[in-house]
Amino acid sequence: MSATPEHSEGRLLVPALMFIALVVAAVGSLGAPLITSVATSFARLAPYRLEVC
C-alpha cells in the first residue's frame, strides 16, 4: 500500500515547521545579547539620551 503524493507532502509539513521553529528560536537566542550592545553603542553616538522610567 503506497501513500498518495498529497498524503506524503502532508507528512513532511510538521517536521519542516518544527525545524523552521527551531532555527528561528536558535537565531533569536543568539541575537538577543546583541540588543544591549547595539543599544549601548547607539546611546554613545546619539546626541541625546532617552530617560527610562
Protein backbone atom coordinates (compact mmCIF):
# COMPACT_ATOMS: atom_id res chain seq x y z
CA MET A 1 0.00 0.00 0.00
CA SER A 2 1.67 3.26 -1.13
CA ALA A 3 0.92 6.77 0.06
CA THR A 4 -0.57 9.30 -2.30
CA PRO A 5 1.55 12.36 -3.14
CA GLU A 6 -0.80 14.63 -1.17
CA HIS A 7 -0.51 12.41 1.90
CA SER A 8 3.29 12.24 1.78
CA GLU A 9 3.56 16.03 1.44
CA GLY A 10 1.33 16.43 4.48
CA ARG A 11 3.57 14.14 6.49
CA LEU A 12 6.58 16.37 5.78
CA LEU A 13 4.80 19.56 6.81
CA VAL A 14 5.02 19.06 10.57
CA PRO A 15 8.75 18.17 10.69
CA ALA A 16 9.54 21.07 8.34
CA LEU A 17 7.64 23.53 10.52
CA MET A 18 9.32 22.19 13.64
CA PHE A 19 12.75 22.60 12.03
CA ILE A 20 11.96 26.17 10.98
CA ALA A 21 10.76 27.00 14.50
CA LEU A 22 13.95 25.52 15.96
CA VAL A 23 16.15 27.60 13.65
CA VAL A 24 14.19 30.79 14.40
CA ALA A 25 14.47 30.15 18.15
CA ALA A 26 18.21 29.49 17.93
CA VAL A 27 18.89 32.63 15.89
CA GLY A 28 16.73 34.68 18.23
CA SER A 29 18.51 33.44 21.32
CA LEU A 30 21.92 34.10 19.79
CA GLY A 31 20.95 37.59 18.68
CA ALA A 32 19.33 38.64 21.96
CA PRO A 33 22.62 39.58 23.71
CA LEU A 34 23.44 41.89 20.80
CA ILE A 35 20.45 44.09 21.61
CA THR A 36 22.09 45.58 24.69
CA SER A 37 25.44 46.12 22.98
CA VAL A 38 23.82 47.82 19.98
CA ALA A 39 21.69 49.97 22.27
CA THR A 40 24.78 50.97 24.26
CA SER A 41 26.73 51.91 21.14
CA PHE A 42 23.82 53.93 19.75
CA ALA A 43 23.42 55.71 23.09
CA ARG A 44 27.05 56.82 22.84
CA LEU A 45 26.55 58.07 19.29
CA ALA A 46 23.21 59.79 19.83
CA PRO A 47 23.31 63.49 20.76
CA TYR A 48 20.52 62.94 23.28
CA ARG A 49 19.64 60.23 25.78
CA LEU A 50 16.21 58.83 26.44
CA GLU A 51 15.11 58.64 30.05
CA VAL A 52 13.85 55.20 31.02
CA CYS A 53 11.08 55.20 33.63
